[in-house]
Amino acid sequence: MDALPEFDELVTLAQQAPDEFDRLRRRFVTGMVDNASPSAQRRLTGLQFQIDMERRRSISPMAACVRVSQMMHHSLSELTALLRQESQQDYCKPHSSQTNVIPLSRLNPK
């Protein structure tokens, strides 16, 4: 895959040739998905579909940005809740390991 152009070049391309910018964006997204592990490709394809649908439903690029940002925040909130739940379950589980208790009388023989 080619190197991603510099930020300023991307801004200029998006402003002056939005169709070309979109083709470049799709090419890079497809390349990233194709280079992912086979187990991740289906999830990434589905996620890109959701992003594309939010972009289409949006009335402006800024609205699309806000919608995708909301998707990311929602996903992060779900992940945080899951991690908290997992960590709480780990702390609440009784430990199955047994310890040997040595009576103090054995430590200090008289």
PDB file of N, CA and C in Angstrom:
ATOM      1  N   MET A   1       0.843  -1.175   0.000  1.00  0.00           N
ATOM      2  CA  MET A   1       0.000   0.000   0.000  1.00  0.00           C
ATOM      3  C   MET A   1       0.891   1.241   0.000  1.00  0.00           C
ATOM      4  N   ASP A   2       0.463   2.239  -0.718  1.00  0.00           N
ATOM      5  CA  ASP A   2       1.206   3.502  -0.782  1.00  0.00           C
ATOM      6  C   ASP A   2       1.197   4.192   0.574  1.00  0.00           C
ATOM      7  N   ALA A   3       2.122   5.122   0.753  1.00  0.00           N
ATOM      8  CA  ALA A   3       2.146   5.933   1.968  1.00  0.00           C
ATOM      9  C   ALA A   3       1.021   6.954   1.918  1.00  0.00           C
ATOM     10  N   LEU A   4       0.455   7.214   3.057  1.00  0.00           N
ATOM     11  CA  LEU A   4      -0.594   8.226   3.149  1.00  0.00           C
ATOM     12  C   LEU A   4       0.018   9.596   2.909  1.00  0.00           C
ATOM     13  N   PRO A   5      -0.610  10.427   2.073  1.00  0.00           N
ATOM     14  CA  PRO A   5      -0.079  11.780   1.835  1.00  0.00           C
ATOM     15  C   PRO A   5      -0.064  12.597   3.120  1.00  0.00           C
ATOM     16  N   GLU A   6       0.708  13.643   3.119  1.00  0.00           N
ATOM     17  CA  GLU A   6       0.779  14.556   4.259  1.00  0.00           C
ATOM     18  C   GLU A   6      -0.595  15.182   4.504  1.00  0.00           C
ATOM     19  N   PHE A   7      -0.816  15.624   5.728  1.00  0.00           N
ATOM     20  CA  PHE A   7      -2.109  16.188   6.127  1.00  0.00           C
ATOM     21  C   PHE A   7      -2.530  17.351   5.225  1.00  0.00           C
ATOM     22  N   ASP A   8      -1.618  18.273   5.000  1.00  0.00           N
ATOM     23  CA  ASP A   8      -1.961  19.440   4.176  1.00  0.00           C
ATOM     24  C   ASP A   8      -2.368  19.034   2.762  1.00  0.00           C
ATOM     25  N   GLU A   9      -1.706  18.007   2.237  1.00  0.00           N
ATOM     26  CA  GLU A   9      -2.076  17.509   0.903  1.00  0.00           C
ATOM     27  C   GLU A   9      -3.480  16.913   0.927  1.00  0.00           C
ATOM     28  N   LEU A  10      -3.797  16.201   2.003  1.00  0.00           N
ATOM     29  CA  LEU A  10      -5.133  15.614   2.123  1.00  0.00           C
ATOM     30  C   LEU A  10      -6.204  16.697   2.217  1.00  0.00           C
ATOM     31  N   VAL A  11      -5.921  17.761   2.966  1.00  0.00           N
ATOM     32  CA  VAL A  11      -6.874  18.873   3.082  1.00  0.00           C
ATOM     33  C   VAL A  11      -7.114  19.498   1.712  1.00  0.00           C
ATOM     34  N   THR A  12      -6.037  19.762   0.992  1.00  0.00           N
ATOM     35  CA  THR A  12      -6.160  20.356  -0.343  1.00  0.00           C
ATOM     36  C   THR A  12      -6.945  19.435  -1.269  1.00  0.00           C
ATOM     37  N   LEU A  13      -6.638  18.145  -1.226  1.00  0.00           N
ATOM     38  CA  LEU A  13      -7.338  17.183  -2.072  1.00  0.00           C
ATOM     39  C   LEU A  13      -8.822  17.142  -1.725  1.00  0.00           C
ATOM     40  N   ALA A  14      -9.142  17.123  -0.437  1.00  0.00           N
ATOM     41  CA  ALA A  14     -10.549  17.085  -0.011  1.00  0.00           C
ATOM     42  C   ALA A  14     -11.298  18.337  -0.461  1.00  0.00           C
ATOM     43  N   GLN A  15     -10.637  19.476  -0.439  1.00  0.00           N
ATOM     44  CA  GLN A  15     -11.288  20.725  -0.830  1.00  0.00           C
ATOM     45  C   GLN A  15     -11.417  20.858  -2.342  1.00  0.00           C
ATOM     46  N   GLN A  16     -10.381  20.458  -3.070  1.00  0.00           N
ATOM     47  CA  GLN A  16     -10.350  20.708  -4.511  1.00  0.00           C
ATOM     48  C   GLN A  16     -10.838  19.534  -5.351  1.00  0.00           C
ATOM     49  N   ALA A  17     -10.699  18.325  -4.839  1.00  0.00           N
ATOM     50  CA  ALA A  17     -11.121  17.142  -5.594  1.00  0.00           C
ATOM     51  C   ALA A  17     -11.735  16.115  -4.638  1.00  0.00           C
ATOM     52  N   PRO A  18     -12.929  16.408  -4.109  1.00  0.00           N
ATOM     53  CA  PRO A  18     -13.521  15.527  -3.105  1.00  0.00           C
ATOM     54  C   PRO A  18     -13.747  14.088  -3.577  1.00  0.00           C
ATOM     55  N   ASP A  19     -14.057  13.908  -4.878  1.00  0.00           N
ATOM     56  CA  ASP A  19     -14.244  12.550  -5.385  1.00  0.00           C
ATOM     57  C   ASP A  19     -12.938  11.763  -5.344  1.00  0.00           C
ATOM     58  N   GLU A  20     -11.856  12.413  -5.710  1.00  0.00           N
ATOM     59  CA  GLU A  20     -10.547  11.766  -5.667  1.00  0.00           C
ATOM     60  C   GLU A  20     -10.146  11.464  -4.224  1.00  0.00           C
ATOM     61  N   PHE A  21     -10.433  12.402  -3.336  1.00  0.00           N
ATOM     62  CA  PHE A  21     -10.152  12.188  -1.916  1.00  0.00           C
ATOM     63  C   PHE A  21     -10.924  10.976  -1.403  1.00  0.00           C
ATOM     64  N   ASP A  22     -12.194  10.861  -1.796  1.00  0.00           N
ATOM     65  CA  ASP A  22     -13.007   9.735  -1.350  1.00  0.00           C
ATOM     66  C   ASP A  22     -12.480   8.409  -1.896  1.00  0.00           C
ATOM     67  N   ARG A  23     -12.018   8.394  -3.137  1.00  0.00           N
ATOM     68  CA  ARG A  23     -11.420   7.173  -3.702  1.00  0.00           C
ATOM     69  C   ARG A  23     -10.166   6.782  -2.920  1.00  0.00           C
ATOM     70  N   LEU A  24      -9.352   7.775  -2.588  1.00  0.00           N
ATOM     71  CA  LEU A  24      -8.140   7.518  -1.802  1.00  0.00           C
ATOM     72  C   LEU A  24      -8.506   6.967  -0.424  1.00  0.00           C
ATOM     73  N   ARG A  25      -9.509   7.574   0.217  1.00  0.00           N
ATOM     74  CA  ARG A  25      -9.965   7.123   1.529  1.00  0.00           C
ATOM     75  C   ARG A  25     -10.436   5.674   1.472  1.00  0.00           C
ATOM     76  N   ARG A  26     -11.258   5.364   0.473  1.00  0.00           N
ATOM     77  CA  ARG A  26     -11.757   3.991   0.344  1.00  0.00           C
ATOM     78  C   ARG A  26     -10.632   3.004   0.086  1.00  0.00           C
ATOM     79  N   ARG A  27      -9.649   3.411  -0.729  1.00  0.00           N
ATOM     80  CA  ARG A  27      -8.516   2.530  -1.021  1.00  0.00           C
ATOM     81  C   ARG A  27      -7.725   2.217   0.256  1.00  0.00           C
ATOM     82  N   PHE A  28      -7.485   3.225   1.075  1.00  0.00           N
ATOM     83  CA  PHE A  28      -6.750   3.005   2.319  1.00  0.00           C
ATOM     84  C   PHE A  28      -7.559   2.179   3.321  1.00  0.00           C
ATOM     85  N   VAL A  29      -8.860   2.437   3.407  1.00  0.00           N
ATOM     86  CA  VAL A  29      -9.703   1.653   4.311  1.00  0.00           C
ATOM     87  C   VAL A  29      -9.710   0.195   3.882  1.00  0.00           C
ATOM     88  N   THR A  30      -9.892  -0.043   2.596  1.00  0.00           N
ATOM     89  CA  THR A  30      -9.892  -1.409   2.078  1.00  0.00           C
ATOM     90  C   THR A  30      -8.553  -2.087   2.339  1.00  0.00           C
ATOM     91  N   GLY A  31      -7.472  -1.358   2.142  1.00  0.00           N
ATOM     92  CA  GLY A  31      -6.145  -1.916   2.400  1.00  0.00           C
ATOM     93  C   GLY A  31      -5.952  -2.282   3.856  1.00  0.00           C
ATOM     94  N   MET A  32      -6.450  -1.448   4.761  1.00  0.00           N
ATOM     95  CA  MET A  32      -6.332  -1.743   6.191  1.00  0.00           C
ATOM     96  C   MET A  32      -7.129  -2.995   6.557  1.00  0.00           C
ATOM     97  N   VAL A  33      -8.331  -3.101   6.028  1.00  0.00           N
ATOM     98  CA  VAL A  33      -9.164  -4.268   6.316  1.00  0.00           C
ATOM     99  C   VAL A  33      -8.513  -5.518   5.735  1.00  0.00           C
ATOM    100  N   ASP A  34      -8.033  -5.426   4.506  1.00  0.00           N
ATOM    101  CA  ASP A  34      -7.402  -6.578   3.865  1.00  0.00           C
ATOM    102  C   ASP A  34      -6.148  -7.046   4.603  1.00  0.00           C
ATOM    103  N   ASN A  35      -5.440  -6.124   5.244  1.00  0.00           N
ATOM    104  CA  ASN A  35      -4.219  -6.481   5.968  1.00  0.00           C
ATOM    105  C   ASN A  35      -4.482  -6.937   7.399  1.00  0.00           C
ATOM    106  N   ALA A  36      -5.728  -6.849   7.847  1.00  0.00           N
ATOM    107  CA  ALA A  36      -6.081  -7.296   9.198  1.00  0.00           C
ATOM    108  C   ALA A  36      -6.141  -8.822   9.226  1.00  0.00           C
ATOM    109  N   SER A  37      -6.131  -9.359  10.410  1.00  0.00           N
ATOM    110  CA  SER A  37      -6.241 -10.814  10.552  1.00  0.00           C
ATOM    111  C   SER A  37      -7.608 -11.257  10.028  1.00  0.00           C
ATOM    112  N   PRO A  38      -7.689 -12.476   9.525  1.00  0.00           N
ATOM    113  CA  PRO A  38      -8.969 -12.954   8.996  1.00  0.00           C
ATOM    114  C   PRO A  38     -10.103 -12.866  10.016  1.00  0.00           C
ATOM    115  N   SER A  39      -9.792 -13.080  11.284  1.00  0.00           N
ATOM    116  CA  SER A  39     -10.847 -13.009  12.304  1.00  0.00           C
ATOM    117  C   SER A  39     -11.346 -11.581  12.511  1.00  0.00           C
ATOM    118  N   ALA A  40     -10.531 -10.586  12.227  1.00  0.00           N
ATOM    119  CA  ALA A  40     -10.928  -9.188  12.422  1.00  0.00           C
ATOM    120  C   ALA A  40     -11.558  -8.580  11.173  1.00  0.00           C
ATOM    121  N   GLN A  41     -11.335  -9.174  10.016  1.00  0.00           N
ATOM    122  CA  GLN A  41     -11.805  -8.574   8.767  1.00  0.00           C
ATOM    123  C   GLN A  41     -13.317  -8.404   8.721  1.00  0.00           C
ATOM    124  N   ARG A  42     -14.063  -9.400   9.170  1.00  0.00           N
ATOM    125  CA  ARG A  42     -15.527  -9.302   9.122  1.00  0.00           C
ATOM    126  C   ARG A  42     -16.012  -8.181  10.035  1.00  0.00           C
ATOM    127  N   ARG A  43     -15.444  -8.089  11.219  1.00  0.00           N
ATOM    128  CA  ARG A  43     -15.846  -7.031  12.161  1.00  0.00           C
ATOM    129  C   ARG A  43     -15.496  -5.655  11.605  1.00  0.00           C
ATOM    130  N   LEU A  44     -14.311  -5.529  11.022  1.00  0.00           N
ATOM    131  CA  LEU A  44     -13.896  -4.245  10.461  1.00  0.00           C
ATOM    132  C   LEU A  44     -14.757  -3.843   9.265  1.00  0.00           C
ATOM    133  N   THR A  45     -15.118  -4.810   8.449  1.00  0.00           N
ATOM    134  CA  THR A  45     -15.989  -4.532   7.308  1.00  0.00           C
ATOM    135  C   THR A  45     -17.352  -4.048   7.792  1.00  0.00           C
ATOM    136  N   GLY A  46     -17.875  -4.692   8.820  1.00  0.00           N
ATOM    137  CA  GLY A  46     -19.154  -4.270   9.394  1.00  0.00           C
ATOM    138  C   GLY A  46     -19.079  -2.884  10.002  1.00  0.00           C
ATOM    139  N   LEU A  47     -17.982  -2.614  10.690  1.00  0.00           N
ATOM    140  CA  LEU A  47     -17.797  -1.294  11.288  1.00  0.00           C
ATOM    141  C   LEU A  47     -17.695  -0.218  10.215  1.00  0.00           C
ATOM    142  N   GLN A  48     -16.967  -0.511   9.140  1.00  0.00           N
ATOM    143  CA  GLN A  48     -16.850   0.471   8.055  1.00  0.00           C
ATOM    144  C   GLN A  48     -18.203   0.705   7.398  1.00  0.00           C
ATOM    145  N   PHE A  49     -19.010  -0.343   7.286  1.00  0.00           N
ATOM    146  CA  PHE A  49     -20.358  -0.187   6.747  1.00  0.00           C
ATOM    147  C   PHE A  49     -21.167   0.776   7.617  1.00  0.00           C
ATOM    148  N   GLN A  50     -21.093   0.608   8.946  1.00  0.00           N
ATOM    149  CA  GLN A  50     -21.820   1.502   9.858  1.00  0.00           C
ATOM    150  C   GLN A  50     -21.334   2.951   9.703  1.00  0.00           C
ATOM    151  N   ILE A  51     -20.032   3.118   9.611  1.00  0.00           N
ATOM    152  CA  ILE A  51     -19.475   4.465   9.436  1.00  0.00           C
ATOM    153  C   ILE A  51     -19.964   5.078   8.132  1.00  0.00           C
ATOM    154  N   ASP A  52     -19.920   4.304   7.053  1.00  0.00           N
ATOM    155  CA  ASP A  52     -20.378   4.807   5.750  1.00  0.00           C
ATOM    156  C   ASP A  52     -21.851   5.196   5.793  1.00  0.00           C
ATOM    157  N   MET A  53     -22.669   4.410   6.485  1.00  0.00           N
ATOM    158  CA  MET A  53     -24.095   4.729   6.587  1.00  0.00           C
ATOM    159  C   MET A  53     -24.313   6.020   7.385  1.00  0.00           C
ATOM    160  N   GLU A  54     -23.555   6.198   8.457  1.00  0.00           N
ATOM    161  CA  GLU A  54     -23.674   7.436   9.233  1.00  0.00           C
ATOM    162  C   GLU A  54     -23.244   8.636   8.396  1.00  0.00           C
ATOM    163  N   ARG A  55     -22.210   8.459   7.596  1.00  0.00           N
ATOM    164  CA  ARG A  55     -21.752   9.549   6.725  1.00  0.00           C
ATOM    165  C   ARG A  55     -22.827   9.899   5.708  1.00  0.00           C
ATOM    166  N   ARG A  56     -23.485   8.884   5.138  1.00  0.00           N
ATOM    167  CA  ARG A  56     -24.540   9.136   4.140  1.00  0.00           C
ATOM    168  C   ARG A  56     -25.745   9.826   4.749  1.00  0.00           C
ATOM    169  N   ARG A  57     -26.083   9.436   5.973  1.00  0.00           N
ATOM    170  CA  ARG A  57     -27.256  10.008   6.638  1.00  0.00           C
ATOM    171  C   ARG A  57     -27.025  11.438   7.113  1.00  0.00           C
ATOM    172  N   SER A  58     -25.785  11.833   7.199  1.00  0.00           N
ATOM    173  CA  SER A  58     -25.456  13.152   7.737  1.00  0.00           C
ATOM    174  C   SER A  58     -25.648  14.231   6.678  1.00  0.00           C
ATOM    175  N   ILE A  59     -26.025  15.412   7.161  1.00  0.00           N
ATOM    176  CA  ILE A  59     -26.294  16.515   6.233  1.00  0.00           C
ATOM    177  C   ILE A  59     -25.040  17.296   5.867  1.00  0.00           C
ATOM    178  N   SER A  60     -23.954  17.071   6.606  1.00  0.00           N
ATOM    179  CA  SER A  60     -22.705  17.773   6.317  1.00  0.00           C
ATOM    180  C   SER A  60     -21.531  16.933   6.821  1.00  0.00           C
ATOM    181  N   PRO A  61     -20.331  17.236   6.357  1.00  0.00           N
ATOM    182  CA  PRO A  61     -19.161  16.510   6.871  1.00  0.00           C
ATOM    183  C   PRO A  61     -18.994  16.664   8.386  1.00  0.00           C
ATOM    184  N   MET A  62     -19.325  17.847   8.924  1.00  0.00           N
ATOM    185  CA  MET A  62     -19.213  18.041  10.367  1.00  0.00           C
ATOM    186  C   MET A  62     -20.218  17.174  11.117  1.00  0.00           C
ATOM    187  N   ALA A  63     -21.428  17.076  10.585  1.00  0.00           N
ATOM    188  CA  ALA A  63     -22.441  16.218  11.202  1.00  0.00           C
ATOM    189  C   ALA A  63     -21.984  14.759  11.164  1.00  0.00           C
ATOM    190  N   ALA A  64     -21.366  14.363  10.069  1.00  0.00           N
ATOM    191  CA  ALA A  64     -20.844  12.994   9.969  1.00  0.00           C
ATOM    192  C   ALA A  64     -19.757  12.759  11.017  1.00  0.00           C
ATOM    193  N   CYS A  65     -18.897  13.739  11.185  1.00  0.00           N
ATOM    194  CA  CYS A  65     -17.827  13.644  12.180  1.00  0.00           C
ATOM    195  C   CYS A  65     -18.416  13.475  13.579  1.00  0.00           C
ATOM    196  N   VAL A  66     -19.456  14.251  13.875  1.00  0.00           N
ATOM    197  CA  VAL A  66     -20.097  14.161  15.191  1.00  0.00           C
ATOM    198  C   VAL A  66     -20.730  12.793  15.382  1.00  0.00           C
ATOM    199  N   ARG A  67     -21.404  12.284  14.363  1.00  0.00           N
ATOM    200  CA  ARG A  67     -22.042  10.965  14.467  1.00  0.00           C
ATOM    201  C   ARG A  67     -21.009   9.860  14.688  1.00  0.00           C
ATOM    202  N   VAL A  68     -19.927   9.897  13.951  1.00  0.00           N
ATOM    203  CA  VAL A  68     -18.884   8.869  14.107  1.00  0.00           C
ATOM    204  C   VAL A  68     -18.225   9.012  15.476  1.00  0.00           C
ATOM    205  N   SER A  69     -18.028  10.228  15.914  1.00  0.00           N
ATOM    206  CA  SER A  69     -17.470  10.455  17.249  1.00  0.00           C
ATOM    207  C   SER A  69     -18.399   9.882  18.321  1.00  0.00           C
ATOM    208  N   GLN A  70     -19.701  10.064  18.158  1.00  0.00           N
ATOM    209  CA  GLN A  70     -20.662   9.497  19.107  1.00  0.00           C
ATOM    210  C   GLN A  70     -20.594   7.970  19.103  1.00  0.00           C
ATOM    211  N   MET A  71     -20.422   7.388  17.924  1.00  0.00           N
ATOM    212  CA  MET A  71     -20.267   5.928  17.840  1.00  0.00           C
ATOM    213  C   MET A  71     -19.050   5.467  18.637  1.00  0.00           C
ATOM    214  N   MET A  72     -17.950   6.190  18.483  1.00  0.00           N
ATOM    215  CA  MET A  72     -16.726   5.822  19.195  1.00  0.00           C
ATOM    216  C   MET A  72     -16.901   5.957  20.700  1.00  0.00           C
ATOM    217  N   HIS A  73     -17.540   7.049  21.140  1.00  0.00           N
ATOM    218  CA  HIS A  73     -17.756   7.245  22.572  1.00  0.00           C
ATOM    219  C   HIS A  73     -18.672   6.165  23.144  1.00  0.00           C
ATOM    220  N   HIS A  74     -19.703   5.798  22.398  1.00  0.00           N
ATOM    221  CA  HIS A  74     -20.605   4.741  22.844  1.00  0.00           C
ATOM    222  C   HIS A  74     -19.848   3.415  22.981  1.00  0.00           C
ATOM    223  N   SER A  75     -19.041   3.107  21.999  1.00  0.00           N
ATOM    224  CA  SER A  75     -18.248   1.875  22.034  1.00  0.00           C
ATOM    225  C   SER A  75     -17.268   1.884  23.207  1.00  0.00           C
ATOM    226  N   LEU A  76     -16.637   3.023  23.444  1.00  0.00           N
ATOM    227  CA  LEU A  76     -15.710   3.146  24.560  1.00  0.00           C
ATOM    228  C   LEU A  76     -16.430   2.984  25.897  1.00  0.00           C
ATOM    229  N   SER A  77     -17.629   3.544  26.006  1.00  0.00           N
ATOM    230  CA  SER A  77     -18.415   3.385  27.235  1.00  0.00           C
ATOM    231  C   SER A  77     -18.764   1.927  27.482  1.00  0.00           C
ATOM    232  N   GLU A  78     -19.153   1.228  26.424  1.00  0.00           N
ATOM    233  CA  GLU A  78     -19.458  -0.197  26.568  1.00  0.00           C
ATOM    234  C   GLU A  78     -18.228  -0.983  26.999  1.00  0.00           C
ATOM    235  N   LEU A  79     -17.089  -0.687  26.401  1.00  0.00           N
ATOM    236  CA  LEU A  79     -15.854  -1.369  26.761  1.00  0.00           C
ATOM    237  C   LEU A  79     -15.470  -1.088  28.207  1.00  0.00           C
ATOM    238  N   THR A  80     -15.600   0.168  28.626  1.00  0.00           N
ATOM    239  CA  THR A  80     -15.281   0.538  30.008  1.00  0.00           C
ATOM    240  C   THR A  80     -16.184  -0.209  30.985  1.00  0.00           C
ATOM    241  N   ALA A  81     -17.477  -0.261  30.688  1.00  0.00           N
ATOM    242  CA  ALA A  81     -18.417  -0.974  31.554  1.00  0.00           C
ATOM    243  C   ALA A  81     -18.063  -2.460  31.627  1.00  0.00           C
ATOM    244  N   LEU A  82     -17.712  -3.035  30.499  1.00  0.00           N
ATOM    245  CA  LEU A  82     -17.339  -4.450  30.475  1.00  0.00           C
ATOM    246  C   LEU A  82     -16.074  -4.701  31.295  1.00  0.00           C
ATOM    247  N   LEU A  83     -15.090  -3.830  31.149  1.00  0.00           N
ATOM    248  CA  LEU A  83     -13.850  -3.994  31.914  1.00  0.00           C
ATOM    249  C   LEU A  83     -14.093  -3.824  33.410  1.00  0.00           C
ATOM    250  N   ARG A  84     -14.939  -2.883  33.778  1.00  0.00           N
ATOM    251  CA  ARG A  84     -15.271  -2.706  35.201  1.00  0.00           C
ATOM    252  C   ARG A  84     -15.975  -3.940  35.743  1.00  0.00           C
ATOM    253  N   GLN A  85     -16.900  -4.463  34.962  1.00  0.00           N
ATOM    254  CA  GLN A  85     -17.630  -5.661  35.372  1.00  0.00           C
ATOM    255  C   GLN A  85     -16.673  -6.832  35.549  1.00  0.00           C
ATOM    256  N   GLU A  86     -15.755  -7.000  34.598  1.00  0.00           N
ATOM    257  CA  GLU A  86     -14.780  -8.087  34.679  1.00  0.00           C
ATOM    258  C   GLU A  86     -13.884  -7.939  35.899  1.00  0.00           C
ATOM    259  N   SER A  87     -13.407  -6.713  36.156  1.00  0.00           N
ATOM    260  CA  SER A  87     -12.500  -6.518  37.283  1.00  0.00           C
ATOM    261  C   SER A  87     -13.237  -6.717  38.600  1.00  0.00           C
ATOM    262  N   GLN A  88     -14.507  -6.329  38.683  1.00  0.00           N
ATOM    263  CA  GLN A  88     -15.270  -6.545  39.904  1.00  0.00           C
ATOM    264  C   GLN A  88     -15.508  -8.027  40.138  1.00  0.00           C
ATOM    265  N   GLN A  89     -15.748  -8.762  39.083  1.00  0.00           N
ATOM    266  CA  GLN A  89     -15.955 -10.198  39.233  1.00  0.00           C
ATOM    267  C   GLN A  89     -14.681 -10.875  39.708  1.00  0.00           C
ATOM    268  N   ASP A  90     -13.528 -10.430  39.226  1.00  0.00           N
ATOM    269  CA  ASP A  90     -12.264 -11.021  39.654  1.00  0.00           C
ATOM    270  C   ASP A  90     -12.031 -10.800  41.141  1.00  0.00           C
ATOM    271  N   TYR A  91     -12.372  -9.607  41.639  1.00  0.00           N
ATOM    272  CA  TYR A  91     -12.150  -9.310  43.054  1.00  0.00           C
ATOM    273  C   TYR A  91     -13.151 -10.027  43.946  1.00  0.00           C
ATOM    274  N   CYS A  92     -14.315 -10.305  43.428  1.00  0.00           N
ATOM    275  CA  CYS A  92     -15.352 -10.932  44.248  1.00  0.00           C
ATOM    276  C   CYS A  92     -15.231 -12.453  44.296  1.00  0.00           C
ATOM    277  N   LYS A  93     -14.470 -13.037  43.408  1.00  0.00           N
ATOM    278  CA  LYS A  93     -14.327 -14.481  43.384  1.00  0.00           C
ATOM    279  C   LYS A  93     -13.503 -14.935  44.583  1.00  0.00           C
ATOM    280  N   PRO A  94     -13.958 -15.981  45.249  1.00  0.00           N
ATOM    281  CA  PRO A  94     -13.117 -16.510  46.323  1.00  0.00           C
ATOM    282  C   PRO A  94     -11.900 -17.198  45.717  1.00  0.00           C
ATOM    283  N   HIS A  95     -10.811 -17.049  46.354  1.00  0.00           N
ATOM    284  CA  HIS A  95      -9.592 -17.670  45.866  1.00  0.00           C
ATOM    285  C   HIS A  95      -9.606 -19.147  46.229  1.00  0.00           C
ATOM    286  N   SER A  96      -9.306 -19.973  45.283  1.00  0.00           N
ATOM    287  CA  SER A  96      -9.368 -21.410  45.502  1.00  0.00           C
ATOM    288  C   SER A  96      -8.082 -21.965  46.104  1.00  0.00           C
ATOM    289  N   SER A  97      -7.043 -21.174  46.108  1.00  0.00           N
ATOM    290  CA  SER A  97      -5.785 -21.689  46.644  1.00  0.00           C
ATOM    291  C   SER A  97      -5.866 -21.769  48.168  1.00  0.00           C
ATOM    292  N   GLN A  98      -5.334 -22.832  48.686  1.00  0.00           N
ATOM    293  CA  GLN A  98      -5.330 -23.029  50.125  1.00  0.00           C
ATOM    294  C   GLN A  98      -3.976 -22.627  50.675  1.00  0.00           C
ATOM    295  N   THR A  99      -3.981 -22.137  51.877  1.00  0.00           N
ATOM    296  CA  THR A  99      -2.723 -21.779  52.521  1.00  0.00           C
ATOM    297  C   THR A  99      -2.486 -22.703  53.700  1.00  0.00           C
ATOM    298  N   ASN A 100      -1.238 -22.908  53.987  1.00  0.00           N
ATOM    299  CA  ASN A 100      -0.875 -23.709  55.152  1.00  0.00           C
ATOM    300  C   ASN A 100      -0.697 -22.779  56.331  1.00  0.00           C
ATOM    301  N   VAL A 101      -1.397 -23.065  57.398  1.00  0.00           N
ATOM    302  CA  VAL A 101      -1.283 -22.275  58.610  1.00  0.00           C
ATOM    303  C   VAL A 101      -0.339 -23.007  59.551  1.00  0.00           C
ATOM    304  N   ILE A 102       0.696 -22.320  59.923  1.00  0.00           N
ATOM    305  CA  ILE A 102       1.679 -22.904  60.841  1.00  0.00           C
ATOM    306  C   ILE A 102       1.405 -22.336  62.231  1.00  0.00           C
ATOM    307  N   PRO A 103       1.124 -23.180  63.167  1.00  0.00           N
ATOM    308  CA  PRO A 103       0.862 -22.679  64.523  1.00  0.00           C
ATOM    309  C   PRO A 103       2.100 -21.982  65.073  1.00  0.00           C
ATOM    310  N   LEU A 104       1.885 -20.911  65.815  1.00  0.00           N
ATOM    311  CA  LEU A 104       2.981 -20.157  66.398  1.00  0.00           C
ATOM    312  C   LEU A 104       3.810 -21.014  67.354  1.00  0.00           C
ATOM    313  N   SER A 105       3.208 -21.977  67.958  1.00  0.00           N
ATOM    314  CA  SER A 105       3.953 -22.819  68.895  1.00  0.00           C
ATOM    315  C   SER A 105       5.073 -23.582  68.201  1.00  0.00           C
ATOM    316  N   ARG A 106       4.925 -23.852  66.930  1.00  0.00           N
ATOM    317  CA  ARG A 106       5.986 -24.548  66.194  1.00  0.00           C
ATOM    318  C   ARG A 106       7.124 -23.607  65.851  1.00  0.00           C
ATOM    319  N   LEU A 107       6.842 -22.312  65.732  1.00  0.00           N
ATOM    320  CA  LEU A 107       7.877 -21.359  65.375  1.00  0.00           C
ATOM    321  C   LEU A 107       8.761 -21.004  66.555  1.00  0.00           C
ATOM    322  N   ASN A 108       8.209 -20.999  67.750  1.00  0.00           N
ATOM    323  CA  ASN A 108       8.948 -20.634  68.951  1.00  0.00           C
ATOM    324  C   ASN A 108       8.998 -21.815  69.919  1.00  0.00           C
ATOM    325  N   PRO A 109       9.826 -22.792  69.608  1.00  0.00           N
ATOM    326  CA  PRO A 109       9.883 -23.919  70.539  1.00  0.00           C
ATOM    327  C   PRO A 109      10.457 -23.480  71.871  1.00  0.00           C
ATOM    328  N   LYS A 110       9.952 -24.044  72.964  1.00  0.00           N
ATOM    329  CA  LYS A 110      10.409 -23.659  74.301  1.00  0.00           C
ATOM    330  C   LYS A 110      11.489 -24.549  74.804  1.00  0.00           C
TER     331      LYS A 110
END
